[in-house]
Amino acid sequence: NPTALLVERIFWLGLGAFLGLAIITSLLRGLKEGKNKTTPISPDQLEN
């Protein structure tokens, strides 16, 4: 059925776009957070 094939194709393209955007967003967030390096705090400083 051409309509069913069209719906299925739209579904798979949408799913692929969602997963692709999720991967790209994750990579960009990782690169952004990698630039913001934090220094560890000692337990004594945390207690103070």
ModelCIF file with pLDDT and N, C-alpha, C, O atoms, coordinates in Angstrom:
data_MODEL
#
_entry.id   MODEL 
#
_entity.id                         1 
_entity.type                       polymer 
_entity.pdbx_number_of_molecules   1 
#
_entity_poly.entity_id                      1 
_entity_poly.type                           'polypeptide(L)' 
_entity_poly.nstd_linkage                   no 
_entity_poly.nstd_monomer                   no 
_entity_poly.pdbx_seq_one_letter_code       NPTALLVERIFWLGLGAFLGLAIITSLLRGLKEGKNKTTPISPDQLEN 
_entity_poly.pdbx_seq_one_letter_code_can   NPTALLVERIFWLGLGAFLGLAIITSLLRGLKEGKNKTTPISPDQLEN 
_entity_poly.pdbx_strand_id                 A 
#
loop_
_entity_poly_seq.entity_id 
_entity_poly_seq.num 
_entity_poly_seq.mon_id 
_entity_poly_seq.hetero 
1 1  ASN n 
1 2  PRO n 
1 3  THR n 
1 4  ALA n 
1 5  LEU n 
1 6  LEU n 
1 7  VAL n 
1 8  GLU n 
1 9  ARG n 
1 10 ILE n 
1 11 PHE n 
1 12 TRP n 
1 13 LEU n 
1 14 GLY n 
1 15 LEU n 
1 16 GLY n 
1 17 ALA n 
1 18 PHE n 
1 19 LEU n 
1 20 GLY n 
1 21 LEU n 
1 22 ALA n 
1 23 ILE n 
1 24 ILE n 
1 25 THR n 
1 26 SER n 
1 27 LEU n 
1 28 LEU n 
1 29 ARG n 
1 30 GLY n 
1 31 LEU n 
1 32 LYS n 
1 33 GLU n 
1 34 GLY n 
1 35 LYS n 
1 36 ASN n 
1 37 LYS n 
1 38 THR n 
1 39 THR n 
1 40 PRO n 
1 41 ILE n 
1 42 SER n 
1 43 PRO n 
1 44 ASP n 
1 45 GLN n 
1 46 LEU n 
1 47 GLU n 
1 48 ASN n 
#
_struct_asym.id          A 
_struct_asym.entity_id   1 
#
loop_
_ma_qa_metric.id 
_ma_qa_metric.mode 
_ma_qa_metric.name 
_ma_qa_metric.software_group_id 
_ma_qa_metric.type 
1 global pLDDT . pLDDT 
2 local  pLDDT . pLDDT 
#
_ma_qa_metric_global.metric_id      1 
_ma_qa_metric_global.metric_value   89.56 
_ma_qa_metric_global.model_id       1 
_ma_qa_metric_global.ordinal_id     1 
#
loop_
_ma_qa_metric_local.label_asym_id 
_ma_qa_metric_local.label_comp_id 
_ma_qa_metric_local.label_seq_id 
_ma_qa_metric_local.metric_id 
_ma_qa_metric_local.metric_value 
_ma_qa_metric_local.model_id 
_ma_qa_metric_local.ordinal_id 
A ASN 1  2 79.00 1 1  
A PRO 2  2 82.00 1 2  
A THR 3  2 83.00 1 3  
A ALA 4  2 82.00 1 4  
A LEU 5  2 85.00 1 5  
A LEU 6  2 88.00 1 6  
A VAL 7  2 88.00 1 7  
A GLU 8  2 90.00 1 8  
A ARG 9  2 94.00 1 9  
A ILE 10 2 96.00 1 10 
A PHE 11 2 96.00 1 11 
A TRP 12 2 96.00 1 12 
A LEU 13 2 97.00 1 13 
A GLY 14 2 97.00 1 14 
A LEU 15 2 98.00 1 15 
A GLY 16 2 98.00 1 16 
A ALA 17 2 98.00 1 17 
A PHE 18 2 98.00 1 18 
A LEU 19 2 98.00 1 19 
A GLY 20 2 97.00 1 20 
A LEU 21 2 98.00 1 21 
A ALA 22 2 97.00 1 22 
A ILE 23 2 97.00 1 23 
A ILE 24 2 97.00 1 24 
A THR 25 2 96.00 1 25 
A SER 26 2 94.00 1 26 
A LEU 27 2 94.00 1 27 
A LEU 28 2 93.00 1 28 
A ARG 29 2 90.00 1 29 
A GLY 30 2 87.00 1 30 
A LEU 31 2 87.00 1 31 
A LYS 32 2 86.00 1 32 
A GLU 33 2 81.00 1 33 
A GLY 34 2 77.00 1 34 
A LYS 35 2 77.00 1 35 
A ASN 36 2 74.00 1 36 
A LYS 37 2 72.00 1 37 
A THR 38 2 73.00 1 38 
A THR 39 2 77.00 1 39 
A PRO 40 2 82.00 1 40 
A ILE 41 2 85.00 1 41 
A SER 42 2 90.00 1 42 
A PRO 43 2 90.00 1 43 
A ASP 44 2 92.00 1 44 
A GLN 45 2 92.00 1 45 
A LEU 46 2 93.00 1 46 
A GLU 47 2 94.00 1 47 
A ASN 48 2 94.00 1 48 
#
loop_
_atom_site.group_PDB 
_atom_site.id 
_atom_site.type_symbol 
_atom_site.label_atom_id 
_atom_site.label_alt_id 
_atom_site.label_comp_id 
_atom_site.label_asym_id 
_atom_site.label_entity_id 
_atom_site.label_seq_id 
_atom_site.pdbx_PDB_ins_code 
_atom_site.Cartn_x 
_atom_site.Cartn_y 
_atom_site.Cartn_z 
_atom_site.occupancy 
_atom_site.B_iso_or_equiv 
_atom_site.pdbx_formal_charge 
_atom_site.auth_seq_id 
_atom_site.auth_comp_id 
_atom_site.auth_asym_id 
_atom_site.auth_atom_id 
_atom_site.pdbx_PDB_model_num 
ATOM 1   N N  . ASN A 1 1  ? 0.844  -1.174 0.000  1.00 79.00 ? 1  ASN A N  1 
ATOM 2   C CA . ASN A 1 1  ? 0.000  0.000  0.000  1.00 79.00 ? 1  ASN A CA 1 
ATOM 3   C C  . ASN A 1 1  ? 0.890  1.240  0.000  1.00 79.00 ? 1  ASN A C  1 
ATOM 4   O O  . ASN A 1 1  ? 1.708  1.399  0.907  1.00 79.00 ? 1  ASN A O  1 
ATOM 5   N N  . PRO A 1 2  ? 0.756  2.120  -0.991 1.00 82.00 ? 2  PRO A N  1 
ATOM 6   C CA . PRO A 1 2  ? 1.635  3.298  -1.053 1.00 82.00 ? 2  PRO A CA 1 
ATOM 7   C C  . PRO A 1 2  ? 1.508  4.205  0.174  1.00 82.00 ? 2  PRO A C  1 
ATOM 8   O O  . PRO A 1 2  ? 2.497  4.788  0.616  1.00 82.00 ? 2  PRO A O  1 
ATOM 9   N N  . THR A 1 3  ? 0.314  4.325  0.717  1.00 83.00 ? 3  THR A N  1 
ATOM 10  C CA . THR A 1 3  ? 0.138  5.169  1.893  1.00 83.00 ? 3  THR A CA 1 
ATOM 11  C C  . THR A 1 3  ? 0.869  4.573  3.088  1.00 83.00 ? 3  THR A C  1 
ATOM 12  O O  . THR A 1 3  ? 1.521  5.296  3.840  1.00 83.00 ? 3  THR A O  1 
ATOM 13  N N  . ALA A 1 4  ? 0.767  3.269  3.266  1.00 82.00 ? 4  ALA A N  1 
ATOM 14  C CA . ALA A 1 4  ? 1.455  2.609  4.374  1.00 82.00 ? 4  ALA A CA 1 
ATOM 15  C C  . ALA A 1 4  ? 2.964  2.727  4.219  1.00 82.00 ? 4  ALA A C  1 
ATOM 16  O O  . ALA A 1 4  ? 3.675  2.930  5.204  1.00 82.00 ? 4  ALA A O  1 
ATOM 17  N N  . LEU A 1 5  ? 3.458  2.602  2.995  1.00 85.00 ? 5  LEU A N  1 
ATOM 18  C CA . LEU A 1 5  ? 4.895  2.746  2.760  1.00 85.00 ? 5  LEU A CA 1 
ATOM 19  C C  . LEU A 1 5  ? 5.359  4.165  3.059  1.00 85.00 ? 5  LEU A C  1 
ATOM 20  O O  . LEU A 1 5  ? 6.444  4.362  3.604  1.00 85.00 ? 5  LEU A O  1 
ATOM 21  N N  . LEU A 1 6  ? 4.540  5.157  2.703  1.00 88.00 ? 6  LEU A N  1 
ATOM 22  C CA . LEU A 1 6  ? 4.888  6.543  2.974  1.00 88.00 ? 6  LEU A CA 1 
ATOM 23  C C  . LEU A 1 6  ? 4.925  6.812  4.479  1.00 88.00 ? 6  LEU A C  1 
ATOM 24  O O  . LEU A 1 6  ? 5.841  7.470  4.972  1.00 88.00 ? 6  LEU A O  1 
ATOM 25  N N  . VAL A 1 7  ? 3.934  6.307  5.201  1.00 88.00 ? 7  VAL A N  1 
ATOM 26  C CA . VAL A 1 7  ? 3.896  6.482  6.653  1.00 88.00 ? 7  VAL A CA 1 
ATOM 27  C C  . VAL A 1 7  ? 5.091  5.807  7.302  1.00 88.00 ? 7  VAL A C  1 
ATOM 28  O O  . VAL A 1 7  ? 5.708  6.366  8.209  1.00 88.00 ? 7  VAL A O  1 
ATOM 29  N N  . GLU A 1 8  ? 5.420  4.604  6.841  1.00 90.00 ? 8  GLU A N  1 
ATOM 30  C CA . GLU A 1 8  ? 6.566  3.885  7.402  1.00 90.00 ? 8  GLU A CA 1 
ATOM 31  C C  . GLU A 1 8  ? 7.868  4.629  7.116  1.00 90.00 ? 8  GLU A C  1 
ATOM 32  O O  . GLU A 1 8  ? 8.740  4.721  7.980  1.00 90.00 ? 8  GLU A O  1 
ATOM 33  N N  . ARG A 1 9  ? 7.992  5.150  5.915  1.00 94.00 ? 9  ARG A N  1 
ATOM 34  C CA . ARG A 1 9  ? 9.212  5.885  5.556  1.00 94.00 ? 9  ARG A CA 1 
ATOM 35  C C  . ARG A 1 9  ? 9.342  7.154  6.393  1.00 94.00 ? 9  ARG A C  1 
ATOM 36  O O  . ARG A 1 9  ? 10.439 7.481  6.844  1.00 94.00 ? 9  ARG A O  1 
ATOM 37  N N  . ILE A 1 10 ? 8.241  7.875  6.608  1.00 96.00 ? 10 ILE A N  1 
ATOM 38  C CA . ILE A 1 10 ? 8.265  9.077  7.438  1.00 96.00 ? 10 ILE A CA 1 
ATOM 39  C C  . ILE A 1 10 ? 8.636  8.724  8.874  1.00 96.00 ? 10 ILE A C  1 
ATOM 40  O O  . ILE A 1 10 ? 9.402  9.443  9.516  1.00 96.00 ? 10 ILE A O  1 
ATOM 41  N N  . PHE A 1 11 ? 8.093  7.618  9.375  1.00 96.00 ? 11 PHE A N  1 
ATOM 42  C CA . PHE A 1 11 ? 8.421  7.173  10.739 1.00 96.00 ? 11 PHE A CA 1 
ATOM 43  C C  . PHE A 1 11 ? 9.914  6.910  10.880 1.00 96.00 ? 11 PHE A C  1 
ATOM 44  O O  . PHE A 1 11 ? 10.539 7.404  11.818 1.00 96.00 ? 11 PHE A O  1 
ATOM 45  N N  . TRP A 1 12 ? 10.492 6.146  9.968  1.00 96.00 ? 12 TRP A N  1 
ATOM 46  C CA . TRP A 1 12 ? 11.907 5.797  10.069 1.00 96.00 ? 12 TRP A CA 1 
ATOM 47  C C  . TRP A 1 12 ? 12.800 7.012  9.871  1.00 96.00 ? 12 TRP A C  1 
ATOM 48  O O  . TRP A 1 12 ? 13.838 7.124  10.524 1.00 96.00 ? 12 TRP A O  1 
ATOM 49  N N  . LEU A 1 13 ? 12.417 7.925  8.983  1.00 97.00 ? 13 LEU A N  1 
ATOM 50  C CA . LEU A 1 13 ? 13.194 9.150  8.811  1.00 97.00 ? 13 LEU A CA 1 
ATOM 51  C C  . LEU A 1 13 ? 13.129 10.012 10.070 1.00 97.00 ? 13 LEU A C  1 
ATOM 52  O O  . LEU A 1 13 ? 14.133 10.594 10.480 1.00 97.00 ? 13 LEU A O  1 
ATOM 53  N N  . GLY A 1 14 ? 11.953 10.092 10.679 1.00 97.00 ? 14 GLY A N  1 
ATOM 54  C CA . GLY A 1 14 ? 11.823 10.853 11.922 1.00 97.00 ? 14 GLY A CA 1 
ATOM 55  C C  . GLY A 1 14 ? 12.642 10.248 13.038 1.00 97.00 ? 14 GLY A C  1 
ATOM 56  O O  . GLY A 1 14 ? 13.296 10.970 13.791 1.00 97.00 ? 14 GLY A O  1 
ATOM 57  N N  . LEU A 1 15 ? 12.617 8.932  13.154 1.00 98.00 ? 15 LEU A N  1 
ATOM 58  C CA . LEU A 1 15 ? 13.399 8.252  14.185 1.00 98.00 ? 15 LEU A CA 1 
ATOM 59  C C  . LEU A 1 15 ? 14.894 8.457  13.953 1.00 98.00 ? 15 LEU A C  1 
ATOM 60  O O  . LEU A 1 15 ? 15.645 8.689  14.901 1.00 98.00 ? 15 LEU A O  1 
ATOM 61  N N  . GLY A 1 16 ? 15.318 8.374  12.713 1.00 98.00 ? 16 GLY A N  1 
ATOM 62  C CA . GLY A 1 16 ? 16.725 8.609  12.392 1.00 98.00 ? 16 GLY A CA 1 
ATOM 63  C C  . GLY A 1 16 ? 17.144 10.039 12.690 1.00 98.00 ? 16 GLY A C  1 
ATOM 64  O O  . GLY A 1 16 ? 18.240 10.277 13.197 1.00 98.00 ? 16 GLY A O  1 
ATOM 65  N N  . ALA A 1 17 ? 16.264 10.999 12.373 1.00 98.00 ? 17 ALA A N  1 
ATOM 66  C CA . ALA A 1 17 ? 16.570 12.400 12.657 1.00 98.00 ? 17 ALA A CA 1 
ATOM 67  C C  . ALA A 1 17 ? 16.673 12.632 14.162 1.00 98.00 ? 17 ALA A C  1 
ATOM 68  O O  . ALA A 1 17 ? 17.565 13.341 14.628 1.00 98.00 ? 17 ALA A O  1 
ATOM 69  N N  . PHE A 1 18 ? 15.757 12.031 14.918 1.00 98.00 ? 18 PHE A N  1 
ATOM 70  C CA . PHE A 1 18 ? 15.796 12.183 16.371 1.00 98.00 ? 18 PHE A CA 1 
ATOM 71  C C  . PHE A 1 18 ? 17.095 11.621 16.941 1.00 98.00 ? 18 PHE A C  1 
ATOM 72  O O  . PHE A 1 18 ? 17.756 12.285 17.739 1.00 98.00 ? 18 PHE A O  1 
ATOM 73  N N  . LEU A 1 19 ? 17.462 10.427 16.547 1.00 98.00 ? 19 LEU A N  1 
ATOM 74  C CA . LEU A 1 19 ? 18.691 9.812  17.059 1.00 98.00 ? 19 LEU A CA 1 
ATOM 75  C C  . LEU A 1 19 ? 19.927 10.590 16.606 1.00 98.00 ? 19 LEU A C  1 
ATOM 76  O O  . LEU A 1 19 ? 20.873 10.756 17.376 1.00 98.00 ? 19 LEU A O  1 
ATOM 77  N N  . GLY A 1 20 ? 19.922 11.065 15.365 1.00 97.00 ? 20 GLY A N  1 
ATOM 78  C CA . GLY A 1 20 ? 21.049 11.853 14.876 1.00 97.00 ? 20 GLY A CA 1 
ATOM 79  C C  . GLY A 1 20 ? 21.210 13.148 15.663 1.00 97.00 ? 20 GLY A C  1 
ATOM 80  O O  . GLY A 1 20 ? 22.324 13.517 16.034 1.00 97.00 ? 20 GLY A O  1 
ATOM 81  N N  . LEU A 1 21 ? 20.098 13.839 15.917 1.00 98.00 ? 21 LEU A N  1 
ATOM 82  C CA . LEU A 1 21 ? 20.159 15.068 16.705 1.00 98.00 ? 21 LEU A CA 1 
ATOM 83  C C  . LEU A 1 21 ? 20.594 14.786 18.140 1.00 98.00 ? 21 LEU A C  1 
ATOM 84  O O  . LEU A 1 21 ? 21.321 15.580 18.736 1.00 98.00 ? 21 LEU A O  1 
ATOM 85  N N  . ALA A 1 22 ? 20.152 13.657 18.694 1.00 97.00 ? 22 ALA A N  1 
ATOM 86  C CA . ALA A 1 22 ? 20.556 13.311 20.056 1.00 97.00 ? 22 ALA A CA 1 
ATOM 87  C C  . ALA A 1 22 ? 22.067 13.081 20.129 1.00 97.00 ? 22 ALA A C  1 
ATOM 88  O O  . ALA A 1 22 ? 22.714 13.505 21.087 1.00 97.00 ? 22 ALA A O  1 
ATOM 89  N N  . ILE A 1 23 ? 22.620 12.421 19.138 1.00 97.00 ? 23 ILE A N  1 
ATOM 90  C CA . ILE A 1 23 ? 24.061 12.159 19.118 1.00 97.00 ? 23 ILE A CA 1 
ATOM 91  C C  . ILE A 1 23 ? 24.835 13.463 18.938 1.00 97.00 ? 23 ILE A C  1 
ATOM 92  O O  . ILE A 1 23 ? 25.828 13.696 19.627 1.00 97.00 ? 23 ILE A O  1 
ATOM 93  N N  . ILE A 1 24 ? 24.384 14.312 18.016 1.00 97.00 ? 24 ILE A N  1 
ATOM 94  C CA . ILE A 1 24 ? 25.070 15.582 17.775 1.00 97.00 ? 24 ILE A CA 1 
ATOM 95  C C  . ILE A 1 24 ? 25.013 16.462 19.017 1.00 97.00 ? 24 ILE A C  1 
ATOM 96  O O  . ILE A 1 24 ? 26.011 17.075 19.394 1.00 97.00 ? 24 ILE A O  1 
ATOM 97  N N  . THR A 1 25 ? 23.834 16.525 19.658 1.00 96.00 ? 25 THR A N  1 
ATOM 98  C CA . THR A 1 25 ? 23.699 17.324 20.873 1.00 96.00 ? 25 THR A CA 1 
ATOM 99  C C  . THR A 1 25 ? 24.614 16.811 21.973 1.00 96.00 ? 25 THR A C  1 
ATOM 100 O O  . THR A 1 25 ? 25.236 17.592 22.692 1.00 96.00 ? 25 THR A O  1 
ATOM 101 N N  . SER A 1 26 ? 24.690 15.496 22.099 1.00 94.00 ? 26 SER A N  1 
ATOM 102 C CA . SER A 1 26 ? 25.553 14.903 23.116 1.00 94.00 ? 26 SER A CA 1 
ATOM 103 C C  . SER A 1 26 ? 27.026 15.234 22.846 1.00 94.00 ? 26 SER A C  1 
ATOM 104 O O  . SER A 1 26 ? 27.770 15.564 23.770 1.00 94.00 ? 26 SER A O  1 
ATOM 105 N N  . LEU A 1 27 ? 27.431 15.147 21.613 1.00 94.00 ? 27 LEU A N  1 
ATOM 106 C CA . LEU A 1 27 ? 28.822 15.464 21.278 1.00 94.00 ? 27 LEU A CA 1 
ATOM 107 C C  . LEU A 1 27 ? 29.128 16.933 21.537 1.00 94.00 ? 27 LEU A C  1 
ATOM 108 O O  . LEU A 1 27 ? 30.180 17.259 22.086 1.00 94.00 ? 27 LEU A O  1 
ATOM 109 N N  . LEU A 1 28 ? 28.219 17.820 21.146 1.00 93.00 ? 28 LEU A N  1 
ATOM 110 C CA . LEU A 1 28 ? 28.439 19.247 21.382 1.00 93.00 ? 28 LEU A CA 1 
ATOM 111 C C  . LEU A 1 28 ? 28.473 19.563 22.871 1.00 93.00 ? 28 LEU A C  1 
ATOM 112 O O  . LEU A 1 28 ? 29.290 20.371 23.313 1.00 93.00 ? 28 LEU A O  1 
ATOM 113 N N  . ARG A 1 29 ? 27.598 18.937 23.648 1.00 90.00 ? 29 ARG A N  1 
ATOM 114 C CA . ARG A 1 29 ? 27.595 19.172 25.094 1.00 90.00 ? 29 ARG A CA 1 
ATOM 115 C C  . ARG A 1 29 ? 28.896 18.655 25.708 1.00 90.00 ? 29 ARG A C  1 
ATOM 116 O O  . ARG A 1 29 ? 29.456 19.291 26.600 1.00 90.00 ? 29 ARG A O  1 
ATOM 117 N N  . GLY A 1 30 ? 29.372 17.517 25.241 1.00 87.00 ? 30 GLY A N  1 
ATOM 118 C CA . GLY A 1 30 ? 30.632 16.979 25.748 1.00 87.00 ? 30 GLY A CA 1 
ATOM 119 C C  . GLY A 1 30 ? 31.803 17.883 25.437 1.00 87.00 ? 30 GLY A C  1 
ATOM 120 O O  . GLY A 1 30 ? 32.681 18.073 26.279 1.00 87.00 ? 30 GLY A O  1 
ATOM 121 N N  . LEU A 1 31 ? 31.832 18.449 24.229 1.00 87.00 ? 31 LEU A N  1 
ATOM 122 C CA . LEU A 1 31 ? 32.904 19.367 23.882 1.00 87.00 ? 31 LEU A CA 1 
ATOM 123 C C  . LEU A 1 31 ? 32.815 20.645 24.700 1.00 87.00 ? 31 LEU A C  1 
ATOM 124 O O  . LEU A 1 31 ? 33.836 21.189 25.121 1.00 87.00 ? 31 LEU A O  1 
ATOM 125 N N  . LYS A 1 32 ? 31.603 21.125 24.927 1.00 86.00 ? 32 LYS A N  1 
ATOM 126 C CA . LYS A 1 32 ? 31.416 22.349 25.697 1.00 86.00 ? 32 LYS A CA 1 
ATOM 127 C C  . LYS A 1 32 ? 31.831 22.151 27.152 1.00 86.00 ? 32 LYS A C  1 
ATOM 128 O O  . LYS A 1 32 ? 32.492 23.015 27.729 1.00 86.00 ? 32 LYS A O  1 
ATOM 129 N N  . GLU A 1 33 ? 31.452 21.029 27.747 1.00 81.00 ? 33 GLU A N  1 
ATOM 130 C CA . GLU A 1 33 ? 31.807 20.758 29.138 1.00 81.00 ? 33 GLU A CA 1 
ATOM 131 C C  . GLU A 1 33 ? 33.285 20.409 29.283 1.00 81.00 ? 33 GLU A C  1 
ATOM 132 O O  . GLU A 1 33 ? 33.864 20.598 30.353 1.00 81.00 ? 33 GLU A O  1 
ATOM 133 N N  . GLY A 1 34 ? 33.888 19.911 28.233 1.00 77.00 ? 34 GLY A N  1 
ATOM 134 C CA . GLY A 1 34 ? 35.312 19.602 28.283 1.00 77.00 ? 34 GLY A CA 1 
ATOM 135 C C  . GLY A 1 34 ? 36.161 20.846 28.407 1.00 77.00 ? 34 GLY A C  1 
ATOM 136 O O  . GLY A 1 34 ? 37.257 20.806 28.967 1.00 77.00 ? 34 GLY A O  1 
ATOM 137 N N  . LYS A 1 35 ? 35.653 21.967 27.878 1.00 77.00 ? 35 LYS A N  1 
ATOM 138 C CA . LYS A 1 35 ? 36.390 23.222 27.979 1.00 77.00 ? 35 LYS A CA 1 
ATOM 139 C C  . LYS A 1 35 ? 36.325 23.792 29.387 1.00 77.00 ? 35 LYS A C  1 
ATOM 140 O O  . LYS A 1 35 ? 37.261 24.462 29.823 1.00 77.00 ? 35 LYS A O  1 
ATOM 141 N N  . ASN A 1 36 ? 35.247 23.541 30.099 1.00 74.00 ? 36 ASN A N  1 
ATOM 142 C CA . ASN A 1 36 ? 35.062 24.057 31.454 1.00 74.00 ? 36 ASN A CA 1 
ATOM 143 C C  . ASN A 1 36 ? 35.625 23.059 32.466 1.00 74.00 ? 36 ASN A C  1 
ATOM 144 O O  . ASN A 1 36 ? 34.881 22.319 33.110 1.00 74.00 ? 36 ASN A O  1 
ATOM 145 N N  . LYS A 1 37 ? 36.927 23.053 32.591 1.00 72.00 ? 37 LYS A N  1 
ATOM 146 C CA . LYS A 1 37 ? 37.547 22.111 33.529 1.00 72.00 ? 37 LYS A CA 1 
ATOM 147 C C  . LYS A 1 37 ? 37.450 22.676 34.944 1.00 72.00 ? 37 LYS A C  1 
ATOM 148 O O  . LYS A 1 37 ? 37.729 23.851 35.180 1.00 72.00 ? 37 LYS A O  1 
ATOM 149 N N  . THR A 1 38 ? 37.056 21.831 35.859 1.00 73.00 ? 38 THR A N  1 
ATOM 150 C CA . THR A 1 38 ? 36.938 22.259 37.250 1.00 73.00 ? 38 THR A CA 1 
ATOM 151 C C  . THR A 1 38 ? 38.053 21.616 38.060 1.00 73.00 ? 38 THR A C  1 
ATOM 152 O O  . THR A 1 38 ? 38.576 20.558 37.707 1.00 73.00 ? 38 THR A O  1 
ATOM 153 N N  . THR A 1 39 ? 38.399 22.273 39.143 1.00 77.00 ? 39 THR A N  1 
ATOM 154 C CA . THR A 1 39 ? 39.428 21.730 40.013 1.00 77.00 ? 39 THR A CA 1 
ATOM 155 C C  . THR A 1 39 ? 38.749 20.981 41.158 1.00 77.00 ? 39 THR A C  1 
ATOM 156 O O  . THR A 1 39 ? 37.744 21.450 41.692 1.00 77.00 ? 39 THR A O  1 
ATOM 157 N N  . PRO A 1 40 ? 39.278 19.845 41.532 1.00 82.00 ? 40 PRO A N  1 
ATOM 158 C CA . PRO A 1 40 ? 38.670 19.099 42.635 1.00 82.00 ? 40 PRO A CA 1 
ATOM 159 C C  . PRO A 1 40 ? 38.871 19.818 43.962 1.00 82.00 ? 40 PRO A C  1 
ATOM 160 O O  . PRO A 1 40 ? 39.868 20.510 44.168 1.00 82.00 ? 40 PRO A O  1 
ATOM 161 N N  . ILE A 1 41 ? 37.899 19.641 44.861 1.00 85.00 ? 41 ILE A N  1 
ATOM 162 C CA . ILE A 1 41 ? 37.954 20.272 46.185 1.00 85.00 ? 41 ILE A CA 1 
ATOM 163 C C  . ILE A 1 41 ? 38.259 19.181 47.212 1.00 85.00 ? 41 ILE A C  1 
ATOM 164 O O  . ILE A 1 41 ? 37.698 18.087 47.162 1.00 85.00 ? 41 ILE A O  1 
ATOM 165 N N  . SER A 1 42 ? 39.141 19.497 48.124 1.00 90.00 ? 42 SER A N  1 
ATOM 166 C CA . SER A 1 42 ? 39.512 18.527 49.145 1.00 90.00 ? 42 SER A CA 1 
ATOM 167 C C  . SER A 1 42 ? 38.370 18.399 50.156 1.00 90.00 ? 42 SER A C  1 
ATOM 168 O O  . SER A 1 42 ? 37.554 19.311 50.292 1.00 90.00 ? 42 SER A O  1 
ATOM 169 N N  . PRO A 1 43 ? 38.312 17.277 50.859 1.00 90.00 ? 43 PRO A N  1 
ATOM 170 C CA . PRO A 1 43 ? 37.262 17.087 51.875 1.00 90.00 ? 43 PRO A CA 1 
ATOM 171 C C  . PRO A 1 43 ? 37.295 18.147 52.972 1.00 90.00 ? 43 PRO A C  1 
ATOM 172 O O  . PRO A 1 43 ? 36.249 18.537 53.491 1.00 90.00 ? 43 PRO A O  1 
ATOM 173 N N  . ASP A 1 44 ? 38.487 18.613 53.324 1.00 92.00 ? 44 ASP A N  1 
ATOM 174 C CA . ASP A 1 44 ? 38.595 19.655 54.355 1.00 92.00 ? 44 ASP A CA 1 
ATOM 175 C C  . ASP A 1 44 ? 37.940 20.957 53.886 1.00 92.00 ? 44 ASP A C  1 
ATOM 176 O O  . ASP A 1 44 ? 37.249 21.627 54.653 1.00 92.00 ? 44 ASP A O  1 
ATOM 177 N N  . GLN A 1 45 ? 38.162 21.296 52.637 1.00 92.00 ? 45 GLN A N  1 
ATOM 178 C CA . GLN A 1 45 ? 37.555 22.505 52.098 1.00 92.00 ? 45 GLN A CA 1 
ATOM 179 C C  . GLN A 1 45 ? 36.034 22.365 52.049 1.00 92.00 ? 45 GLN A C  1 
ATOM 180 O O  . GLN A 1 45 ? 35.314 23.330 52.307 1.00 92.00 ? 45 GLN A O  1 
ATOM 181 N N  . LEU A 1 46 ? 35.547 21.183 51.725 1.00 93.00 ? 46 LEU A N  1 
ATOM 182 C CA . LEU A 1 46 ? 34.108 20.953 51.707 1.00 93.00 ? 46 LEU A CA 1 
ATOM 183 C C  . LEU A 1 46 ? 33.513 21.081 53.110 1.00 93.00 ? 46 LEU A C  1 
ATOM 184 O O  . LEU A 1 46 ? 32.434 21.648 53.282 1.00 93.00 ? 46 LEU A O  1 
ATOM 185 N N  . GLU A 1 47 ? 34.212 20.557 54.098 1.00 94.00 ? 47 GLU A N  1 
ATOM 186 C CA . GLU A 1 47 ? 33.728 20.670 55.477 1.00 94.00 ? 47 GLU A CA 1 
ATOM 187 C C  . GLU A 1 47 ? 33.682 22.124 55.920 1.00 94.00 ? 47 GLU A C  1 
ATOM 188 O O  . GLU A 1 47 ? 32.719 22.549 56.557 1.00 94.00 ? 47 GLU A O  1 
ATOM 189 N N  . ASN A 1 48 ? 34.720 22.891 55.587 1.00 94.00 ? 48 ASN A N  1 
ATOM 190 C CA . ASN A 1 48 ? 34.739 24.311 55.938 1.00 94.00 ? 48 ASN A CA 1 
ATOM 191 C C  . ASN A 1 48 ? 33.600 25.068 55.254 1.00 94.00 ? 48 ASN A C  1 
ATOM 192 O O  . ASN A 1 48 ? 33.465 26.278 55.438 1.00 94.00 ? 48 ASN A O  1 
#
